[in-house]
Amino acid sequence: SRSGGDSTYYADSVKGRFTISRDNAENTVYLQMNSLKPEDTAIYYC
């Protein structure tokens, strides 16, 4: 969500493995992906 709440939500397929975060000072959003599986193969869009 926008800053002030910073709620997050994940697809069931990535819950517990992926983490979304933001750095407002850098105007950048991140997606940390751990324990990657072959089914995670894709083009990822922000």
PDB file of all heavy atoms in Angstrom:
ATOM      1  N   SER A   1       0.836  -1.199   0.000  1.00  0.00           N
ATOM      2  CA  SER A   1       0.000   0.000   0.000  1.00  0.00           C
ATOM      3  C   SER A   1       0.875   1.255   0.000  1.00  0.00           C
ATOM      4  O   SER A   1       2.085   1.186   0.198  1.00  0.00           O
ATOM      5  CB  SER A   1      -0.913  -0.002   1.222  1.00  0.00           C
ATOM      6  OG  SER A   1      -0.146   0.060   2.416  1.00  0.00           O
ATOM      7  N   ARG A   2       0.250   2.389  -0.177  1.00  0.00           N
ATOM      8  CA  ARG A   2       0.977   3.638  -0.083  1.00  0.00           C
ATOM      9  C   ARG A   2       1.503   3.827   1.328  1.00  0.00           C
ATOM     10  O   ARG A   2       1.002   3.199   2.270  1.00  0.00           O
ATOM     11  CB  ARG A   2       0.067   4.807  -0.456  1.00  0.00           C
ATOM     12  CG  ARG A   2      -1.181   4.912   0.407  1.00  0.00           C
ATOM     13  CD  ARG A   2      -2.063   6.057  -0.025  1.00  0.00           C
ATOM     14  NE  ARG A   2      -1.452   7.348   0.252  1.00  0.00           N
ATOM     15  CZ  ARG A   2      -1.950   8.499  -0.127  1.00  0.00           C
ATOM     16  NH1 ARG A   2      -3.067   8.536  -0.848  1.00  0.00           N
ATOM     17  NH2 ARG A   2      -1.355   9.630   0.164  1.00  0.00           N
ATOM     18  N   SER A   3       2.520   4.630   1.489  1.00  0.00           N
ATOM     19  CA  SER A   3       3.122   4.833   2.804  1.00  0.00           C
ATOM     20  C   SER A   3       2.091   5.407   3.774  1.00  0.00           C
ATOM     21  O   SER A   3       1.211   6.170   3.389  1.00  0.00           O
ATOM     22  CB  SER A   3       4.308   5.784   2.697  1.00  0.00           C
ATOM     23  OG  SER A   3       5.351   5.169   1.988  1.00  0.00           O
ATOM     24  N   GLY A   4       2.264   5.012   5.024  1.00  0.00           N
ATOM     25  CA  GLY A   4       1.304   5.411   6.049  1.00  0.00           C
ATOM     26  C   GLY A   4       0.576   4.198   6.555  1.00  0.00           C
ATOM     27  O   GLY A   4       0.091   4.152   7.666  1.00  0.00           O
ATOM     28  N   GLY A   5       0.506   3.179   5.688  1.00  0.00           N
ATOM     29  CA  GLY A   5      -0.104   1.918   6.083  1.00  0.00           C
ATOM     30  C   GLY A   5       0.878   0.783   5.910  1.00  0.00           C
ATOM     31  O   GLY A   5       1.055  -0.029   6.788  1.00  0.00           O
ATOM     32  N   ASP A   6       1.518   0.774   4.746  1.00  0.00           N
ATOM     33  CA  ASP A   6       2.498  -0.254   4.411  1.00  0.00           C
ATOM     34  C   ASP A   6       1.946  -1.654   4.612  1.00  0.00           C
ATOM     35  O   ASP A   6       2.642  -2.544   5.124  1.00  0.00           O
ATOM     36  CB  ASP A   6       3.800  -0.072   5.190  1.00  0.00           C
ATOM     37  CG  ASP A   6       4.699   0.958   4.525  1.00  0.00           C
ATOM     38  OD1 ASP A   6       4.390   1.362   3.385  1.00  0.00           O
ATOM     39  OD2 ASP A   6       5.691   1.363   5.132  1.00  0.00           O
ATOM     40  N   SER A   7       0.721  -1.837   4.220  1.00  0.00           N
ATOM     41  CA  SER A   7       0.163  -3.183   4.196  1.00  0.00           C
ATOM     42  C   SER A   7       0.737  -3.901   2.990  1.00  0.00           C
ATOM     43  O   SER A   7       1.054  -3.285   1.972  1.00  0.00           O
ATOM     44  CB  SER A   7      -1.359  -3.121   4.075  1.00  0.00           C
ATOM     45  OG  SER A   7      -1.930  -2.436   5.156  1.00  0.00           O
ATOM     46  N   THR A   8       0.871  -5.214   3.113  1.00  0.00           N
ATOM     47  CA  THR A   8       1.349  -6.027   1.999  1.00  0.00           C
ATOM     48  C   THR A   8       0.394  -7.184   1.767  1.00  0.00           C
ATOM     49  O   THR A   8      -0.360  -7.590   2.678  1.00  0.00           O
ATOM     50  CB  THR A   8       2.761  -6.567   2.257  1.00  0.00           C
ATOM     51  OG1 THR A   8       2.746  -7.330   3.475  1.00  0.00           O
ATOM     52  CG2 THR A   8       3.773  -5.445   2.376  1.00  0.00           C
ATOM     53  N   TYR A   9       0.464  -7.700   0.548  1.00  0.00           N
ATOM     54  CA  TYR A   9      -0.409  -8.809   0.176  1.00  0.00           C
ATOM     55  C   TYR A   9       0.319  -9.634  -0.867  1.00  0.00           C
ATOM     56  O   TYR A   9       1.005  -9.078  -1.736  1.00  0.00           O
ATOM     57  CB  TYR A   9      -1.732  -8.282  -0.377  1.00  0.00           C
ATOM     58  CG  TYR A   9      -2.715  -9.339  -0.793  1.00  0.00           C
ATOM     59  CD1 TYR A   9      -3.281 -10.200   0.138  1.00  0.00           C
ATOM     60  CD2 TYR A   9      -3.091  -9.487  -2.124  1.00  0.00           C
ATOM     61  CE1 TYR A   9      -4.187 -11.172  -0.245  1.00  0.00           C
ATOM     62  CE2 TYR A   9      -4.000 -10.452  -2.513  1.00  0.00           C
ATOM     63  CZ  TYR A   9      -4.543 -11.293  -1.570  1.00  0.00           C
ATOM     64  OH  TYR A   9      -5.453 -12.253  -1.940  1.00  0.00           O
ATOM     65  N   TYR A  10       0.179 -10.968  -0.780  1.00  0.00           N
ATOM     66  CA  TYR A  10       0.915 -11.860  -1.665  1.00  0.00           C
ATOM     67  C   TYR A  10      -0.006 -12.909  -2.274  1.00  0.00           C
ATOM     68  O   TYR A  10      -0.979 -13.345  -1.653  1.00  0.00           O
ATOM     69  CB  TYR A  10       2.018 -12.571  -0.877  1.00  0.00           C
ATOM     70  CG  TYR A  10       3.034 -11.641  -0.282  1.00  0.00           C
ATOM     71  CD1 TYR A  10       2.888 -11.147   1.012  1.00  0.00           C
ATOM     72  CD2 TYR A  10       4.156 -11.242  -1.022  1.00  0.00           C
ATOM     73  CE1 TYR A  10       3.808 -10.276   1.559  1.00  0.00           C
ATOM     74  CE2 TYR A  10       5.083 -10.373  -0.478  1.00  0.00           C
ATOM     75  CZ  TYR A  10       4.897  -9.893   0.806  1.00  0.00           C
ATOM     76  OH  TYR A  10       5.826  -9.031   1.338  1.00  0.00           O
ATOM     77  N   ALA A  11       0.367 -13.335  -3.458  1.00  0.00           N
ATOM     78  CA  ALA A  11      -0.288 -14.487  -4.048  1.00  0.00           C
ATOM     79  C   ALA A  11       0.051 -15.716  -3.211  1.00  0.00           C
ATOM     80  O   ALA A  11       1.153 -15.808  -2.643  1.00  0.00           O
ATOM     81  CB  ALA A  11       0.186 -14.683  -5.482  1.00  0.00           C
ATOM     82  N   ASP A  12      -0.854 -16.640  -3.133  1.00  0.00           N
ATOM     83  CA  ASP A  12      -0.620 -17.848  -2.334  1.00  0.00           C
ATOM     84  C   ASP A  12       0.632 -18.592  -2.783  1.00  0.00           C
ATOM     85  O   ASP A  12       1.333 -19.196  -1.965  1.00  0.00           O
ATOM     86  CB  ASP A  12      -1.833 -18.777  -2.422  1.00  0.00           C
ATOM     87  CG  ASP A  12      -3.027 -18.259  -1.643  1.00  0.00           C
ATOM     88  OD1 ASP A  12      -2.845 -17.373  -0.778  1.00  0.00           O
ATOM     89  OD2 ASP A  12      -4.154 -18.736  -1.897  1.00  0.00           O
ATOM     90  N   SER A  13       0.910 -18.541  -4.066  1.00  0.00           N
ATOM     91  CA  SER A  13       2.034 -19.302  -4.614  1.00  0.00           C
ATOM     92  C   SER A  13       3.389 -18.779  -4.154  1.00  0.00           C
ATOM     93  O   SER A  13       4.397 -19.497  -4.253  1.00  0.00           O
ATOM     94  CB  SER A  13       1.973 -19.298  -6.137  1.00  0.00           C
ATOM     95  OG  SER A  13       1.995 -17.974  -6.637  1.00  0.00           O
ATOM     96  N   VAL A  14       3.443 -17.542  -3.663  1.00  0.00           N
ATOM     97  CA  VAL A  14       4.724 -16.967  -3.249  1.00  0.00           C
ATOM     98  C   VAL A  14       4.759 -16.603  -1.775  1.00  0.00           C
ATOM     99  O   VAL A  14       5.808 -16.205  -1.258  1.00  0.00           O
ATOM    100  CB  VAL A  14       5.075 -15.717  -4.086  1.00  0.00           C
ATOM    101  CG1 VAL A  14       5.024 -16.043  -5.577  1.00  0.00           C
ATOM    102  CG2 VAL A  14       4.169 -14.542  -3.749  1.00  0.00           C
ATOM    103  N   LYS A  15       3.641 -16.738  -1.102  1.00  0.00           N
ATOM    104  CA  LYS A  15       3.563 -16.351   0.311  1.00  0.00           C
ATOM    105  C   LYS A  15       4.589 -17.126   1.130  1.00  0.00           C
ATOM    106  O   LYS A  15       4.730 -18.348   0.990  1.00  0.00           O
ATOM    107  CB  LYS A  15       2.153 -16.621   0.823  1.00  0.00           C
ATOM    108  CG  LYS A  15       1.773 -15.866   2.065  1.00  0.00           C
ATOM    109  CD  LYS A  15       0.299 -16.077   2.391  1.00  0.00           C
ATOM    110  CE  LYS A  15      -0.588 -15.533   1.305  1.00  0.00           C
ATOM    111  NZ  LYS A  15      -2.035 -15.684   1.624  1.00  0.00           N
ATOM    112  N   GLY A  16       5.335 -16.411   1.956  1.00  0.00           N
ATOM    113  CA  GLY A  16       6.358 -17.037   2.776  1.00  0.00           C
ATOM    114  C   GLY A  16       7.711 -17.118   2.107  1.00  0.00           C
ATOM    115  O   GLY A  16       8.714 -17.416   2.758  1.00  0.00           O
ATOM    116  N   ARG A  17       7.755 -16.870   0.800  1.00  0.00           N
ATOM    117  CA  ARG A  17       9.025 -16.930   0.062  1.00  0.00           C
ATOM    118  C   ARG A  17       9.430 -15.564  -0.485  1.00  0.00           C
ATOM    119  O   ARG A  17      10.618 -15.271  -0.587  1.00  0.00           O
ATOM    120  CB  ARG A  17       8.916 -17.916  -1.103  1.00  0.00           C
ATOM    121  CG  ARG A  17       8.609 -19.336  -0.683  1.00  0.00           C
ATOM    122  CD  ARG A  17       8.710 -20.293  -1.881  1.00  0.00           C
ATOM    123  NE  ARG A  17       7.734 -19.989  -2.925  1.00  0.00           N
ATOM    124  CZ  ARG A  17       8.071 -19.711  -4.190  1.00  0.00           C
ATOM    125  NH1 ARG A  17       9.343 -19.717  -4.565  1.00  0.00           N
ATOM    126  NH2 ARG A  17       7.121 -19.458  -5.090  1.00  0.00           N
ATOM    127  N   PHE A  18       8.455 -14.752  -0.862  1.00  0.00           N
ATOM    128  CA  PHE A  18       8.723 -13.441  -1.460  1.00  0.00           C
ATOM    129  C   PHE A  18       8.358 -12.340  -0.467  1.00  0.00           C
ATOM    130  O   PHE A  18       7.411 -12.480   0.320  1.00  0.00           O
ATOM    131  CB  PHE A  18       7.899 -13.238  -2.730  1.00  0.00           C
ATOM    132  CG  PHE A  18       8.306 -14.089  -3.896  1.00  0.00           C
ATOM    133  CD1 PHE A  18       9.195 -15.141  -3.779  1.00  0.00           C
ATOM    134  CD2 PHE A  18       7.791 -13.826  -5.159  1.00  0.00           C
ATOM    135  CE1 PHE A  18       9.564 -15.923  -4.860  1.00  0.00           C
ATOM    136  CE2 PHE A  18       8.144 -14.583  -6.265  1.00  0.00           C
ATOM    137  CZ  PHE A  18       9.021 -15.640  -6.110  1.00  0.00           C
ATOM    138  N   THR A  19       9.096 -11.227  -0.553  1.00  0.00           N
ATOM    139  CA  THR A  19       8.812 -10.070   0.291  1.00  0.00           C
ATOM    140  C   THR A  19       8.892  -8.802  -0.545  1.00  0.00           C
ATOM    141  O   THR A  19       9.911  -8.560  -1.199  1.00  0.00           O
ATOM    142  CB  THR A  19       9.798  -9.965   1.459  1.00  0.00           C
ATOM    143  OG1 THR A  19       9.763 -11.175   2.231  1.00  0.00           O
ATOM    144  CG2 THR A  19       9.438  -8.795   2.365  1.00  0.00           C
ATOM    145  N   ILE A  20       7.846  -7.999  -0.498  1.00  0.00           N
ATOM    146  CA  ILE A  20       7.847  -6.708  -1.182  1.00  0.00           C
ATOM    147  C   ILE A  20       8.173  -5.626  -0.155  1.00  0.00           C
ATOM    148  O   ILE A  20       7.723  -5.686   1.000  1.00  0.00           O
ATOM    149  CB  ILE A  20       6.483  -6.443  -1.869  1.00  0.00           C
ATOM    150  CG1 ILE A  20       6.546  -5.171  -2.709  1.00  0.00           C
ATOM    151  CG2 ILE A  20       5.353  -6.386  -0.850  1.00  0.00           C
ATOM    152  CD1 ILE A  20       5.317  -4.962  -3.591  1.00  0.00           C
ATOM    153  N   SER A  21       8.981  -4.650  -0.587  1.00  0.00           N
ATOM    154  CA  SER A  21       9.337  -3.552   0.305  1.00  0.00           C
ATOM    155  C   SER A  21       9.571  -2.301  -0.526  1.00  0.00           C
ATOM    156  O   SER A  21       9.651  -2.367  -1.750  1.00  0.00           O
ATOM    157  CB  SER A  21      10.573  -3.900   1.132  1.00  0.00           C
ATOM    158  OG  SER A  21      11.697  -4.108   0.299  1.00  0.00           O
ATOM    159  N   ARG A  22       9.702  -1.187   0.147  1.00  0.00           N
ATOM    160  CA  ARG A  22       9.904   0.077  -0.550  1.00  0.00           C
ATOM    161  C   ARG A  22      10.971   0.897   0.158  1.00  0.00           C
ATOM    162  O   ARG A  22      11.139   0.789   1.375  1.00  0.00           O
ATOM    163  CB  ARG A  22       8.594   0.855  -0.602  1.00  0.00           C
ATOM    164  CG  ARG A  22       8.157   1.329   0.779  1.00  0.00           C
ATOM    165  CD  ARG A  22       6.717   1.778   0.828  1.00  0.00           C
ATOM    166  NE  ARG A  22       6.367   2.655  -0.262  1.00  0.00           N
ATOM    167  CZ  ARG A  22       5.161   2.635  -0.842  1.00  0.00           C
ATOM    168  NH1 ARG A  22       4.243   1.788  -0.440  1.00  0.00           N
ATOM    169  NH2 ARG A  22       4.893   3.464  -1.834  1.00  0.00           N
ATOM    170  N   ASP A  23      11.681   1.699  -0.611  1.00  0.00           N
ATOM    171  CA  ASP A  23      12.622   2.680  -0.082  1.00  0.00           C
ATOM    172  C   ASP A  23      12.165   4.024  -0.631  1.00  0.00           C
ATOM    173  O   ASP A  23      12.450   4.356  -1.780  1.00  0.00           O
ATOM    174  CB  ASP A  23      14.043   2.344  -0.514  1.00  0.00           C
ATOM    175  CG  ASP A  23      15.071   3.296   0.092  1.00  0.00           C
ATOM    176  OD1 ASP A  23      14.718   4.459   0.388  1.00  0.00           O
ATOM    177  OD2 ASP A  23      16.223   2.879   0.259  1.00  0.00           O
ATOM    178  N   ASN A  24      11.464   4.770   0.185  1.00  0.00           N
ATOM    179  CA  ASN A  24      10.890   6.026  -0.297  1.00  0.00           C
ATOM    180  C   ASN A  24      11.971   7.036  -0.681  1.00  0.00           C
ATOM    181  O   ASN A  24      11.792   7.808  -1.623  1.00  0.00           O
ATOM    182  CB  ASN A  24       9.965   6.620   0.760  1.00  0.00           C
ATOM    183  CG  ASN A  24       8.706   5.802   0.955  1.00  0.00           C
ATOM    184  OD1 ASN A  24       8.276   5.076   0.058  1.00  0.00           O
ATOM    185  ND2 ASN A  24       8.117   5.882   2.134  1.00  0.00           N
ATOM    186  N   ALA A  25      13.067   7.023   0.029  1.00  0.00           N
ATOM    187  CA  ALA A  25      14.142   7.973  -0.267  1.00  0.00           C
ATOM    188  C   ALA A  25      14.738   7.718  -1.648  1.00  0.00           C
ATOM    189  O   ALA A  25      15.158   8.650  -2.336  1.00  0.00           O
ATOM    190  CB  ALA A  25      15.230   7.883   0.795  1.00  0.00           C
ATOM    191  N   GLU A  26      14.770   6.451  -2.041  1.00  0.00           N
ATOM    192  CA  GLU A  26      15.320   6.076  -3.343  1.00  0.00           C
ATOM    193  C   GLU A  26      14.238   5.948  -4.405  1.00  0.00           C
ATOM    194  O   GLU A  26      14.554   5.669  -5.564  1.00  0.00           O
ATOM    195  CB  GLU A  26      16.073   4.748  -3.226  1.00  0.00           C
ATOM    196  CG  GLU A  26      17.281   4.803  -2.311  1.00  0.00           C
ATOM    197  CD  GLU A  26      18.376   5.688  -2.882  1.00  0.00           C
ATOM    198  OE1 GLU A  26      18.502   5.774  -4.130  1.00  0.00           O
ATOM    199  OE2 GLU A  26      19.090   6.332  -2.080  1.00  0.00           O
ATOM    200  N   ASN A  27      12.982   6.119  -4.022  1.00  0.00           N
ATOM    201  CA  ASN A  27      11.865   5.950  -4.960  1.00  0.00           C
ATOM    202  C   ASN A  27      11.929   4.589  -5.658  1.00  0.00           C
ATOM    203  O   ASN A  27      11.702   4.484  -6.879  1.00  0.00           O
ATOM    204  CB  ASN A  27      11.850   7.066  -6.009  1.00  0.00           C
ATOM    205  CG  ASN A  27      10.646   7.984  -5.837  1.00  0.00           C
ATOM    206  OD1 ASN A  27       9.826   7.809  -4.947  1.00  0.00           O
ATOM    207  ND2 ASN A  27      10.548   8.962  -6.714  1.00  0.00           N
ATOM    208  N   THR A  28      12.231   3.581  -4.861  1.00  0.00           N
ATOM    209  CA  THR A  28      12.453   2.240  -5.413  1.00  0.00           C
ATOM    210  C   THR A  28      11.646   1.214  -4.612  1.00  0.00           C
ATOM    211  O   THR A  28      11.547   1.313  -3.386  1.00  0.00           O
ATOM    212  CB  THR A  28      13.943   1.873  -5.372  1.00  0.00           C
ATOM    213  OG1 THR A  28      14.667   2.812  -6.168  1.00  0.00           O
ATOM    214  CG2 THR A  28      14.181   0.465  -5.921  1.00  0.00           C
ATOM    215  N   VAL A  29      11.102   0.256  -5.328  1.00  0.00           N
ATOM    216  CA  VAL A  29      10.391  -0.867  -4.717  1.00  0.00           C
ATOM    217  C   VAL A  29      11.173  -2.142  -5.007  1.00  0.00           C
ATOM    218  O   VAL A  29      11.762  -2.280  -6.085  1.00  0.00           O
ATOM    219  CB  VAL A  29       8.964  -0.975  -5.278  1.00  0.00           C
ATOM    220  CG1 VAL A  29       8.259  -2.205  -4.733  1.00  0.00           C
ATOM    221  CG2 VAL A  29       8.175   0.266  -4.917  1.00  0.00           C
ATOM    222  N   TYR A  30      11.166  -3.036  -4.054  1.00  0.00           N
ATOM    223  CA  TYR A  30      11.937  -4.273  -4.187  1.00  0.00           C
ATOM    224  C   TYR A  30      11.030  -5.495  -4.063  1.00  0.00           C
ATOM    225  O   TYR A  30       9.965  -5.441  -3.441  1.00  0.00           O
ATOM    226  CB  TYR A  30      13.009  -4.347  -3.090  1.00  0.00           C
ATOM    227  CG  TYR A  30      13.965  -3.199  -3.108  1.00  0.00           C
ATOM    228  CD1 TYR A  30      13.811  -2.127  -2.240  1.00  0.00           C
ATOM    229  CD2 TYR A  30      15.046  -3.192  -3.994  1.00  0.00           C
ATOM    230  CE1 TYR A  30      14.693  -1.061  -2.257  1.00  0.00           C
ATOM    231  CE2 TYR A  30      15.932  -2.130  -4.010  1.00  0.00           C
ATOM    232  CZ  TYR A  30      15.748  -1.071  -3.148  1.00  0.00           C
ATOM    233  OH  TYR A  30      16.626  -0.020  -3.179  1.00  0.00           O
ATOM    234  N   LEU A  31      11.493  -6.578  -4.659  1.00  0.00           N
ATOM    235  CA  LEU A  31      10.858  -7.872  -4.464  1.00  0.00           C
ATOM    236  C   LEU A  31      11.963  -8.867  -4.144  1.00  0.00           C
ATOM    237  O   LEU A  31      12.734  -9.241  -5.024  1.00  0.00           O
ATOM    238  CB  LEU A  31      10.068  -8.320  -5.701  1.00  0.00           C
ATOM    239  CG  LEU A  31       9.291  -9.624  -5.521  1.00  0.00           C
ATOM    240  CD1 LEU A  31       8.145  -9.430  -4.521  1.00  0.00           C
ATOM    241  CD2 LEU A  31       8.743 -10.123  -6.859  1.00  0.00           C
ATOM    242  N   GLN A  32      12.053  -9.240  -2.879  1.00  0.00           N
ATOM    243  CA  GLN A  32      13.012 -10.242  -2.458  1.00  0.00           C
ATOM    244  C   GLN A  32      12.392 -11.609  -2.668  1.00  0.00           C
ATOM    245  O   GLN A  32      11.326 -11.899  -2.126  1.00  0.00           O
ATOM    246  CB  GLN A  32      13.381 -10.051  -0.982  1.00  0.00           C
ATOM    247  CG  GLN A  32      14.335 -11.094  -0.441  1.00  0.00           C
ATOM    248  CD  GLN A  32      15.705 -11.017  -1.074  1.00  0.00           C
ATOM    249  OE1 GLN A  32      16.258  -9.938  -1.246  1.00  0.00           O
ATOM    250  NE2 GLN A  32      16.272 -12.167  -1.410  1.00  0.00           N
ATOM    251  N   MET A  33      13.076 -12.436  -3.459  1.00  0.00           N
ATOM    252  CA  MET A  33      12.544 -13.748  -3.799  1.00  0.00           C
ATOM    253  C   MET A  33      13.491 -14.823  -3.281  1.00  0.00           C
ATOM    254  O   MET A  33      14.647 -14.885  -3.706  1.00  0.00           O
ATOM    255  CB  MET A  33      12.367 -13.877  -5.316  1.00  0.00           C
ATOM    256  CG  MET A  33      11.547 -12.759  -5.929  1.00  0.00           C
ATOM    257  SD  MET A  33      11.189 -13.017  -7.676  1.00  0.00           S
ATOM    258  CE  MET A  33      12.830 -12.962  -8.357  1.00  0.00           C
ATOM    259  N   ASN A  34      13.025 -15.616  -2.357  1.00  0.00           N
ATOM    260  CA  ASN A  34      13.810 -16.700  -1.776  1.00  0.00           C
ATOM    261  C   ASN A  34      13.221 -18.057  -2.162  1.00  0.00           C
ATOM    262  O   ASN A  34      12.063 -18.145  -2.577  1.00  0.00           O
ATOM    263  CB  ASN A  34      13.844 -16.574  -0.263  1.00  0.00           C
ATOM    264  CG  ASN A  34      14.485 -15.283   0.209  1.00  0.00           C
ATOM    265  OD1 ASN A  34      15.383 -14.743  -0.437  1.00  0.00           O
ATOM    266  ND2 ASN A  34      14.034 -14.779   1.339  1.00  0.00           N
ATOM    267  N   SER A  35      14.029 -19.080  -2.014  1.00  0.00           N
ATOM    268  CA  SER A  35      13.584 -20.458  -2.290  1.00  0.00           C
ATOM    269  C   SER A  35      12.889 -20.546  -3.644  1.00  0.00           C
ATOM    270  O   SER A  35      11.787 -21.102  -3.772  1.00  0.00           O
ATOM    271  CB  SER A  35      12.635 -20.938  -1.181  1.00  0.00           C
ATOM    272  OG  SER A  35      13.259 -20.870   0.078  1.00  0.00           O
ATOM    273  N   LEU A  36      13.549 -20.028  -4.643  1.00  0.00           N
ATOM    274  CA  LEU A  36      12.940 -19.983  -5.967  1.00  0.00           C
ATOM    275  C   LEU A  36      12.709 -21.381  -6.532  1.00  0.00           C
ATOM    276  O   LEU A  36      13.494 -22.311  -6.299  1.00  0.00           O
ATOM    277  CB  LEU A  36      13.803 -19.162  -6.915  1.00  0.00           C
ATOM    278  CG  LEU A  36      13.678 -17.647  -6.716  1.00  0.00           C
ATOM    279  CD1 LEU A  36      14.857 -16.912  -7.331  1.00  0.00           C
ATOM    280  CD2 LEU A  36      12.366 -17.147  -7.307  1.00  0.00           C
ATOM    281  N   LYS A  37      11.620 -21.491  -7.280  1.00  0.00           N
ATOM    282  CA  LYS A  37      11.228 -22.758  -7.886  1.00  0.00           C
ATOM    283  C   LYS A  37      11.155 -22.587  -9.404  1.00  0.00           C
ATOM    284  O   LYS A  37      10.964 -21.465  -9.887  1.00  0.00           O
ATOM    285  CB  LYS A  37       9.845 -23.175  -7.371  1.00  0.00           C
ATOM    286  CG  LYS A  37       9.727 -23.259  -5.865  1.00  0.00           C
ATOM    287  CD  LYS A  37       8.294 -23.561  -5.451  1.00  0.00           C
ATOM    288  CE  LYS A  37       8.148 -23.635  -3.950  1.00  0.00           C
ATOM    289  NZ  LYS A  37       6.744 -23.923  -3.546  1.00  0.00           N
ATOM    290  N   PRO A  38      11.243 -23.664 -10.148  1.00  0.00           N
ATOM    291  CA  PRO A  38      11.126 -23.542 -11.611  1.00  0.00           C
ATOM    292  C   PRO A  38       9.824 -22.874 -12.034  1.00  0.00           C
ATOM    293  O   PRO A  38       9.804 -22.145 -13.029  1.00  0.00           O
ATOM    294  CB  PRO A  38      11.183 -25.003 -12.077  1.00  0.00           C
ATOM    295  CG  PRO A  38      12.020 -25.682 -11.044  1.00  0.00           C
ATOM    296  CD  PRO A  38      11.634 -25.024  -9.747  1.00  0.00           C
ATOM    297  N   GLU A  39       8.771 -23.070 -11.295  1.00  0.00           N
ATOM    298  CA  GLU A  39       7.482 -22.454 -11.639  1.00  0.00           C
ATOM    299  C   GLU A  39       7.446 -20.940 -11.392  1.00  0.00           C
ATOM    300  O   GLU A  39       6.469 -20.282 -11.742  1.00  0.00           O
ATOM    301  CB  GLU A  39       6.319 -23.131 -10.907  1.00  0.00           C
ATOM    302  CG  GLU A  39       6.515 -23.262  -9.418  1.00  0.00           C
ATOM    303  CD  GLU A  39       7.045 -24.626  -9.016  1.00  0.00           C
ATOM    304  OE1 GLU A  39       7.974 -25.137  -9.704  1.00  0.00           O
ATOM    305  OE2 GLU A  39       6.551 -25.172  -8.011  1.00  0.00           O
ATOM    306  N   ASP A  40       8.509 -20.400 -10.811  1.00  0.00           N
ATOM    307  CA  ASP A  40       8.616 -18.950 -10.665  1.00  0.00           C
ATOM    308  C   ASP A  40       9.185 -18.295 -11.929  1.00  0.00           C
ATOM    309  O   ASP A  40       9.247 -17.071 -12.014  1.00  0.00           O
ATOM    310  CB  ASP A  40       9.510 -18.594  -9.476  1.00  0.00           C
ATOM    311  CG  ASP A  40       8.922 -19.015  -8.146  1.00  0.00           C
ATOM    312  OD1 ASP A  40       7.690 -18.844  -7.954  1.00  0.00           O
ATOM    313  OD2 ASP A  40       9.685 -19.514  -7.293  1.00  0.00           O
ATOM    314  N   THR A  41       9.598 -19.106 -12.882  1.00  0.00           N
ATOM    315  CA  THR A  41      10.135 -18.581 -14.133  1.00  0.00           C
ATOM    316  C   THR A  41       9.089 -17.750 -14.855  1.00  0.00           C
ATOM    317  O   THR A  41       7.977 -18.223 -15.123  1.00  0.00           O
ATOM    318  CB  THR A  41      10.602 -19.735 -15.033  1.00  0.00           C
ATOM    319  OG1 THR A  41      11.696 -20.404 -14.399  1.00  0.00           O
ATOM    320  CG2 THR A  41      11.042 -19.213 -16.403  1.00  0.00           C
ATOM    321  N   ALA A  42       9.441 -16.501 -15.148  1.00  0.00           N
ATOM    322  CA  ALA A  42       8.504 -15.580 -15.786  1.00  0.00           C
ATOM    323  C   ALA A  42       9.197 -14.250 -16.025  1.00  0.00           C
ATOM    324  O   ALA A  42      10.306 -14.013 -15.530  1.00  0.00           O
ATOM    325  CB  ALA A  42       7.277 -15.364 -14.889  1.00  0.00           C
ATOM    326  N   ILE A  43       8.513 -13.395 -16.757  1.00  0.00           N
ATOM    327  CA  ILE A  43       8.912 -11.988 -16.816  1.00  0.00           C
ATOM    328  C   ILE A  43       8.183 -11.286 -15.675  1.00  0.00           C
ATOM    329  O   ILE A  43       6.960 -11.420 -15.543  1.00  0.00           O
ATOM    330  CB  ILE A  43       8.546 -11.348 -18.157  1.00  0.00           C
ATOM    331  CG1 ILE A  43       9.266 -12.071 -19.297  1.00  0.00           C
ATOM    332  CG2 ILE A  43       8.907  -9.868 -18.157  1.00  0.00           C
ATOM    333  CD1 ILE A  43       8.849 -11.612 -20.676  1.00  0.00           C
ATOM    334  N   TYR A  44       8.928 -10.558 -14.870  1.00  0.00           N
ATOM    335  CA  TYR A  44       8.365  -9.872 -13.713  1.00  0.00           C
ATOM    336  C   TYR A  44       8.207  -8.388 -14.019  1.00  0.00           C
ATOM    337  O   TYR A  44       9.152  -7.738 -14.472  1.00  0.00           O
ATOM    338  CB  TYR A  44       9.253 -10.075 -12.488  1.00  0.00           C
ATOM    339  CG  TYR A  44       9.086 -11.442 -11.884  1.00  0.00           C
ATOM    340  CD1 TYR A  44       9.570 -12.578 -12.546  1.00  0.00           C
ATOM    341  CD2 TYR A  44       8.401 -11.631 -10.687  1.00  0.00           C
ATOM    342  CE1 TYR A  44       9.383 -13.849 -12.013  1.00  0.00           C
ATOM    343  CE2 TYR A  44       8.222 -12.889 -10.141  1.00  0.00           C
ATOM    344  CZ  TYR A  44       8.714 -13.990 -10.815  1.00  0.00           C
ATOM    345  OH  TYR A  44       8.533 -15.257 -10.283  1.00  0.00           O
ATOM    346  N   TYR A  45       7.023  -7.876 -13.757  1.00  0.00           N
ATOM    347  CA  TYR A  45       6.685  -6.491 -14.027  1.00  0.00           C
ATOM    348  C   TYR A  45       6.368  -5.745 -12.741  1.00  0.00           C
ATOM    349  O   TYR A  45       5.675  -6.266 -11.863  1.00  0.00           O
ATOM    350  CB  TYR A  45       5.456  -6.412 -14.933  1.00  0.00           C
ATOM    351  CG  TYR A  45       5.625  -7.030 -16.293  1.00  0.00           C
ATOM    352  CD1 TYR A  45       5.293  -8.363 -16.521  1.00  0.00           C
ATOM    353  CD2 TYR A  45       6.115  -6.285 -17.358  1.00  0.00           C
ATOM    354  CE1 TYR A  45       5.442  -8.931 -17.776  1.00  0.00           C
ATOM    355  CE2 TYR A  45       6.263  -6.849 -18.618  1.00  0.00           C
ATOM    356  CZ  TYR A  45       5.925  -8.175 -18.808  1.00  0.00           C
ATOM    357  OH  TYR A  45       6.083  -8.734 -20.054  1.00  0.00           O
ATOM    358  N   CYS A  46       6.853  -4.530 -12.693  1.00  0.00           N
ATOM    359  CA  CYS A  46       6.531  -3.618 -11.612  1.00  0.00           C
ATOM    360  C   CYS A  46       5.386  -2.717 -12.070  1.00  0.00           C
ATOM    361  O   CYS A  46       5.325  -2.343 -13.249  1.00  0.00           O
ATOM    362  CB  CYS A  46       7.770  -2.788 -11.286  1.00  0.00           C
ATOM    363  SG  CYS A  46       7.532  -1.511 -10.065  1.00  0.00           S
TER     364      CYS A  46
END
